[in-house]
Amino acid sequence: MARTFIAPSKAKKHRTRKHTNSMEYTFQEMPDLQKTGERRVFPKAFHCDQISYAYFANEMAKSSGFSRGIIDGVLGEVVRSMESYLKLGHSVKIDGIGTFNIALGMKNREEAETVKEEGERYDTYNVYIRGINFIPDADWLRRLRRETELEKVGEVKTLRRTNTSLEERRQRALDYLSSHPFMRVMDYMALTGLGHSSATRELRLLRRDPNSGIKGVGTGNQLVYILHSTSNI
């Protein structure tokens, strides 16, 4: 019996920017931690709101002439079929989009048992599906590069190294949580001055430490951080 693909019933109304025909970006300067005097910059895109499934499917229905029900059914079957092959270890290629395959990881790499001899083995209880690798279709990527207009906005921003210790930043987070029900990554960034990647990595370390006083609740984009009431702070 085929599974039913449940899609959101309402589409979000997405914000529009002044420059709707281009992708905006700026440059960020890396801090000179080695004191070499060299200036290293890299481009960073300004991303708009995430397009919801409902909005995406409704726009497809308008432009293609297919009904929303047909679109839901086809996309649902694509997801179901991809899942069935990925679980068996296959990679899945969709022409015009790209190739998908499962990426594995270790939950507690430092605790993995190893036997350093012939026939070395690793405990399998630590292995989990870390994510899904995606390699974009080469023609699609070339078309995006050719047809996307890039527009630089703003001045070069410098990523500054925080002068606080991990313990000081942890205490700032605890103080914040004492008066707020939860904390997001962006809140921790504002409290500590860390960039998004550094803040995410640090929060991951804190939530894995049973004595940090902080634990994570939820998954993916819904992950937030709350006080761990049973911790020894």
Protein backbone atom coordinates (compact mmCIF):
# COMPACT_ATOMS: atom_id res chain seq x y z
CA MET A 1 0.00 0.00 0.00
CA ALA A 2 1.48 3.33 -1.03
CA ARG A 3 2.26 5.85 1.68
CA THR A 4 0.41 9.14 1.76
CA PHE A 5 2.64 12.19 1.52
CA ILE A 6 1.35 14.80 3.97
CA ALA A 7 2.23 18.36 2.98
CA PRO A 8 1.63 21.58 4.90
CA SER A 9 -1.83 22.97 4.22
CA LYS A 10 -0.90 26.62 4.08
CA ALA A 11 1.88 28.45 2.31
CA LYS A 12 3.90 31.15 4.01
CA LYS A 13 3.91 34.62 2.58
CA HIS A 14 7.59 35.20 1.89
CA ARG A 15 9.31 38.53 2.17
CA THR A 16 10.72 40.09 -0.97
CA ARG A 17 13.84 42.17 -1.30
CA LYS A 18 14.47 45.34 -3.22
CA HIS A 19 16.75 43.48 -5.63
CA THR A 20 14.58 40.57 -6.73
CA ASN A 21 16.61 39.70 -9.87
CA SER A 22 19.97 39.18 -8.18
CA MET A 23 21.64 37.33 -5.33
CA GLU A 24 23.23 39.67 -2.81
CA TYR A 25 26.52 38.98 -1.07
CA THR A 26 29.20 40.70 0.96
CA PHE A 27 32.81 40.01 1.89
CA GLN A 28 34.00 38.95 5.32
CA GLU A 29 37.57 39.31 6.48
CA MET A 30 39.19 36.53 8.48
CA PRO A 31 40.99 37.62 11.67
CA ASP A 32 44.80 37.58 11.37
CA LEU A 33 45.41 35.09 14.18
CA GLN A 34 49.01 34.39 13.09
CA LYS A 35 49.84 38.11 12.85
CA THR A 36 51.15 37.72 9.30
CA GLY A 37 49.75 41.03 8.11
CA GLU A 38 47.94 39.30 5.24
CA ARG A 39 44.33 40.25 4.58
CA ARG A 40 42.14 37.24 3.73
CA VAL A 41 38.53 37.74 2.69
CA PHE A 42 35.80 35.41 1.45
CA PRO A 43 32.32 36.03 -0.05
CA LYS A 44 29.22 35.36 2.04
CA ALA A 45 25.74 35.24 0.53
CA PHE A 46 22.70 36.95 2.03
CA HIS A 47 20.04 34.25 2.18
CA CYS A 48 16.33 35.07 2.06
CA ASP A 49 13.61 33.25 3.96
CA GLN A 50 13.43 29.50 3.51
CA ILE A 51 10.76 28.54 0.95
CA SER A 52 8.23 26.21 2.57
CA TYR A 53 7.00 23.05 0.88
CA ALA A 54 3.47 24.46 0.55
CA TYR A 55 4.68 27.64 -1.14
CA PHE A 56 6.98 25.66 -3.44
CA ALA A 57 4.25 23.18 -4.44
CA ASN A 58 1.67 25.92 -5.03
CA GLU A 59 4.07 27.83 -7.29
CA MET A 60 4.78 24.61 -9.23
CA ALA A 61 1.05 24.08 -9.71
CA LYS A 62 0.62 27.62 -11.05
CA SER A 63 3.50 27.42 -13.51
CA SER A 64 3.11 23.81 -14.68
CA GLY A 65 -0.64 23.41 -15.03
CA PHE A 66 -0.58 20.25 -12.90
CA SER A 67 -2.91 20.11 -9.93
CA ARG A 68 -1.56 20.44 -6.42
CA GLY A 69 -2.70 16.88 -5.73
CA ILE A 70 -0.61 15.48 -8.61
CA ILE A 71 2.43 17.47 -7.48
CA ASP A 72 2.04 16.22 -3.91
CA GLY A 73 1.72 12.65 -5.14
CA VAL A 74 4.75 12.76 -7.45
CA LEU A 75 7.02 14.49 -4.95
CA GLY A 76 5.87 12.14 -2.21
CA GLU A 77 6.72 9.13 -4.36
CA VAL A 78 10.14 10.61 -5.18
CA VAL A 79 10.87 10.95 -1.46
CA ARG A 80 9.62 7.42 -0.70
CA SER A 81 11.60 5.84 -3.54
CA MET A 82 14.78 7.71 -2.68
CA GLU A 83 14.48 6.61 0.94
CA SER A 84 14.06 2.95 0.00
CA TYR A 85 17.22 2.94 -2.15
CA LEU A 86 19.34 5.07 0.19
CA LYS A 87 18.60 2.69 3.08
CA LEU A 88 20.11 -0.14 1.00
CA GLY A 89 23.33 1.79 0.42
CA HIS A 90 22.61 3.00 -3.11
CA SER A 91 23.33 6.49 -4.35
CA VAL A 92 20.38 8.10 -6.16
CA LYS A 93 20.87 10.34 -9.19
CA ILE A 94 18.08 12.63 -10.35
CA ASP A 95 18.90 14.19 -13.72
CA GLY A 96 18.82 17.95 -13.57
CA ILE A 97 19.17 18.03 -9.77
CA GLY A 98 22.03 15.85 -8.58
CA THR A 99 23.18 12.75 -6.72
CA PHE A 100 22.29 11.80 -3.15
CA ASN A 101 23.95 9.26 -0.83
CA ILE A 102 24.03 8.56 2.90
CA ALA A 103 26.92 9.82 5.04
CA LEU A 104 27.87 7.89 8.17
CA GLY A 105 29.42 9.21 11.37
CA MET A 106 30.49 8.17 14.87
CA LYS A 107 28.42 9.27 17.88
CA ASN A 108 31.27 8.96 20.39
CA ARG A 109 34.39 8.64 18.32
CA GLU A 110 36.76 8.86 21.29
CA GLU A 111 34.99 5.94 22.98
CA ALA A 112 34.98 3.63 19.97
CA GLU A 113 36.66 0.35 20.84
CA THR A 114 39.60 -0.51 18.58
CA VAL A 115 41.72 -3.64 18.35
CA LYS A 116 45.06 -2.74 16.75
CA GLU A 117 45.92 -6.02 15.15
CA GLU A 118 45.08 -7.95 12.02
CA GLY A 119 41.33 -7.98 11.59
CA GLU A 120 40.95 -4.64 13.39
CA ARG A 121 37.33 -4.00 14.31
CA TYR A 122 35.24 -1.14 15.59
CA ASP A 123 32.14 -1.26 17.77
CA THR A 124 29.11 -0.65 15.58
CA TYR A 125 26.86 0.89 18.24
CA ASN A 126 28.62 4.23 17.72
CA VAL A 127 27.92 4.35 13.97
CA TYR A 128 24.92 6.37 12.83
CA ILE A 129 23.57 8.15 9.74
CA ARG A 130 25.14 11.60 10.05
CA GLY A 131 23.41 13.12 7.05
CA ILE A 132 22.91 12.95 3.30
CA ASN A 133 25.60 14.00 0.86
CA PHE A 134 24.46 15.93 -2.19
CA ILE A 135 26.43 16.54 -5.38
CA PRO A 136 24.65 18.96 -7.73
CA ASP A 137 24.11 18.05 -11.37
CA ALA A 138 26.96 19.57 -13.41
CA ASP A 139 24.69 21.06 -16.09
CA TRP A 140 22.39 22.55 -13.46
CA LEU A 141 25.33 24.09 -11.63
CA ARG A 142 26.70 25.58 -14.85
CA ARG A 143 23.27 27.03 -15.65
CA LEU A 144 23.00 28.59 -12.19
CA ARG A 145 26.44 30.13 -12.56
CA ARG A 146 25.57 31.49 -15.98
CA GLU A 147 22.12 32.84 -15.17
CA THR A 148 22.52 34.09 -11.58
CA GLU A 149 23.35 37.76 -11.20
CA LEU A 150 25.52 38.46 -8.16
CA GLU A 151 25.40 41.86 -6.49
CA LYS A 152 27.84 43.01 -3.81
CA VAL A 153 26.29 45.03 -0.98
CA GLY A 154 27.82 46.68 2.07
CA GLU A 155 31.41 46.95 3.21
CA VAL A 156 33.87 44.23 4.12
CA LYS A 157 33.05 42.83 7.57
CA THR A 158 35.75 41.56 9.90
CA LEU A 159 35.20 38.37 11.89
CA ARG A 160 36.56 39.18 15.33
CA ARG A 161 38.04 36.66 17.70
CA THR A 162 36.27 36.58 21.06
CA ASN A 163 38.42 37.33 24.11
CA THR A 164 36.25 35.34 26.51
CA SER A 165 36.86 31.80 27.69
CA LEU A 166 34.49 28.89 27.16
CA GLU A 167 33.58 28.99 30.86
CA GLU A 168 32.71 32.71 30.63
CA ARG A 169 30.56 32.08 27.57
CA ARG A 170 28.85 29.15 29.30
CA GLN A 171 28.03 31.38 32.26
CA ARG A 172 26.58 34.03 29.93
CA ALA A 173 24.33 31.36 28.43
CA LEU A 174 23.23 30.19 31.89
CA ASP A 175 22.45 33.77 32.92
CA TYR A 176 20.41 34.21 29.75
CA LEU A 177 18.49 30.99 30.34
CA SER A 178 17.72 31.99 33.92
CA SER A 179 15.37 34.66 32.51
CA HIS A 180 14.38 33.09 29.16
CA PRO A 181 12.61 29.75 28.55
CA PHE A 182 15.04 28.73 25.80
CA MET A 183 18.05 29.90 23.78
CA ARG A 184 18.69 29.64 20.04
CA VAL A 185 22.02 29.57 18.22
CA MET A 186 21.52 33.20 17.17
CA ASP A 187 20.99 34.15 20.83
CA TYR A 188 24.26 32.48 21.78
CA MET A 189 25.99 34.30 18.92
CA ALA A 190 24.73 37.63 20.25
CA LEU A 191 25.82 36.76 23.81
CA THR A 192 29.32 35.59 22.91
CA GLY A 193 30.30 37.31 19.66
CA LEU A 194 30.96 33.94 17.99
CA GLY A 195 30.13 33.27 14.36
CA HIS A 196 27.40 30.79 13.46
CA SER A 197 29.68 27.78 12.88
CA SER A 198 31.69 28.36 16.06
CA ALA A 199 28.56 28.94 18.14
CA THR A 200 26.94 25.76 16.79
CA ARG A 201 30.05 23.67 17.54
CA GLU A 202 30.37 25.09 21.04
CA LEU A 203 26.71 24.51 21.89
CA ARG A 204 27.10 20.94 20.67
CA LEU A 205 29.97 20.46 23.14
CA LEU A 206 27.99 22.04 25.98
CA ARG A 207 24.89 19.93 25.47
CA ARG A 208 27.02 16.76 25.48
CA ASP A 209 28.60 17.75 28.80
CA PRO A 210 26.25 16.58 31.60
CA ASN A 211 27.73 19.20 33.96
CA SER A 212 27.39 22.20 31.64
CA GLY A 213 23.90 23.07 32.85
CA ILE A 214 22.66 23.26 29.26
CA LYS A 215 20.83 20.67 27.20
CA GLY A 216 19.36 20.62 23.73
CA VAL A 217 15.70 19.98 22.95
CA GLY A 218 14.37 19.24 19.46
CA THR A 219 16.19 18.46 16.23
CA GLY A 220 17.31 20.25 13.07
CA ASN A 221 15.96 23.77 12.68
CA GLN A 222 13.77 23.24 15.77
CA LEU A 223 16.74 22.62 18.11
CA VAL A 224 16.82 24.99 21.10
CA TYR A 225 18.74 24.99 24.37
CA ILE A 226 17.31 25.01 27.91
CA LEU A 227 18.60 24.73 31.46
CA HIS A 228 19.60 21.23 32.53
CA SER A 229 18.08 21.26 36.01
CA THR A 230 19.84 18.10 37.22
CA SER A 231 23.35 19.30 36.36
CA ASN A 232 26.06 20.18 38.85
CA ILE A 233 26.71 23.80 37.95
